[in-house]
Protein backbone atom coordinates (compact mmCIF):
# COMPACT_ATOMS: atom_id res chain seq x y z
CA MET A 1 0.00 0.00 0.01
CA LEU A 2 2.85 2.34 0.83
CA ASP A 3 4.21 1.83 -2.71
CA ALA A 4 1.23 3.90 -3.88
CA MET A 5 0.69 6.14 -0.87
CA CYS A 6 4.14 7.63 -0.62
CA PRO A 7 4.51 8.70 -4.25
CA SER A 8 0.99 10.13 -4.26
CA LEU A 9 1.67 12.15 -1.12
CA ASP A 10 4.86 13.51 -2.63
CA ALA A 11 3.10 14.42 -5.86
CA MET A 12 0.30 16.18 -4.01
CA LYS A 13 2.77 18.10 -1.85
CA GLU A 14 4.62 19.24 -4.98
CA ALA A 15 1.33 20.34 -6.59
CA ARG A 16 0.43 22.29 -3.50
CA ILE A 17 3.81 24.04 -3.51
CA ARG A 18 3.10 25.06 -7.14
CA GLY A 19 -0.16 26.60 -5.93
CA GLU A 20 -2.50 24.17 -7.65
CA GLY A 21 -6.04 23.67 -6.40
CA ALA A 22 -7.60 20.56 -4.93
CA GLY A 23 -8.58 19.01 -8.26
CA PRO A 24 -5.19 19.21 -9.97
CA MET A 25 -3.48 18.32 -6.72
CA LEU A 26 -5.52 15.13 -6.37
CA GLU A 27 -5.02 14.27 -10.04
CA ALA A 28 -1.24 14.46 -9.53
CA GLY A 29 -1.65 12.14 -6.55
CA VAL A 30 -3.77 9.70 -8.52
CA LYS A 31 -1.29 9.53 -11.35
CA ALA A 32 1.57 8.88 -8.92
CA ALA A 33 -0.43 6.30 -6.97
CA TRP A 34 -1.20 4.29 -10.09
CA ALA A 35 2.47 4.45 -11.13
CA GLY A 36 3.46 3.16 -7.72
CA ALA A 37 0.89 0.37 -7.84
CA GLU A 38 2.07 -0.64 -11.30
CA HIS A 39 5.66 -0.80 -10.02
CA THR A 40 4.67 -3.43 -7.40
CA LYS A 41 4.35 -6.01 -10.24
CA ASP A 42 8.16 -6.16 -10.27
CA LEU A 43 8.57 -6.61 -6.52
CA VAL A 44 8.46 -9.53 -4.10
CA ALA A 45 6.45 -8.35 -1.09
CA THR A 46 8.18 -8.65 2.26
CA LYS A 47 5.56 -6.92 4.41
CA GLY A 48 1.82 -7.28 4.91
CA ARG A 49 -0.51 -9.93 3.55
CA ALA A 50 1.12 -9.94 0.16
CA SER A 51 4.31 -11.28 1.76
CA TYR A 52 2.54 -14.67 2.23
CA VAL A 53 2.64 -15.36 -1.49
CA GLY A 54 6.35 -14.58 -1.92
CA GLU A 55 7.68 -14.89 -5.46
CA ARG A 56 4.33 -16.13 -6.74
CA GLY A 57 3.25 -12.48 -6.51
CA LEU A 58 5.67 -11.36 -9.22
CA GLY A 59 3.75 -9.99 -12.16
CA HIS A 60 0.72 -9.09 -10.01
CA GLN A 61 -0.08 -5.64 -8.65
CA ASP A 62 -0.18 -5.36 -4.88
CA PRO A 63 -3.87 -5.40 -3.83
CA GLY A 64 -3.34 -2.75 -1.14
CA ALA A 65 -1.64 -0.36 -3.51
CA THR A 66 -4.33 -0.96 -6.10
CA SER A 67 -7.12 -0.38 -3.54
CA TYR A 68 -5.53 2.86 -2.37
CA SER A 69 -5.19 4.03 -6.00
CA TYR A 70 -8.90 3.35 -6.65
CA LEU A 71 -9.84 5.13 -3.44
CA LEU A 72 -7.83 8.21 -4.27
CA GLU A 73 -9.12 8.19 -7.85
CA THR A 74 -12.74 8.07 -6.55
CA ILE A 75 -12.11 11.00 -4.18
CA ALA A 76 -10.58 13.02 -7.00
CA HIS A 77 -13.54 12.25 -9.24
CA CYS A 78 -16.02 13.28 -6.53
CA ILE A 79 -14.14 16.56 -5.89
CA GLN A 80 -14.22 17.40 -9.60
CA GLU A 81 -17.93 16.52 -9.93
CA GLY A 82 -18.88 18.51 -6.85
């Protein structure tokens, strides 16, 4: 999960520093979260529930990182709609 959370937080902080509003800030976070989640396909999990599958998890996105990315994407969508 942190593989998506940390990059999204960094991207949102950078967008805030640039003076962007909530919508663009969240969009930057969403983009970074999905990139982080995608990167987990190349990793063997050593923490959390995903660590139980070991090397069998290679080629599969971490479910926690994916869930976080969907959650952030939904929040961003709701902010833009509202």
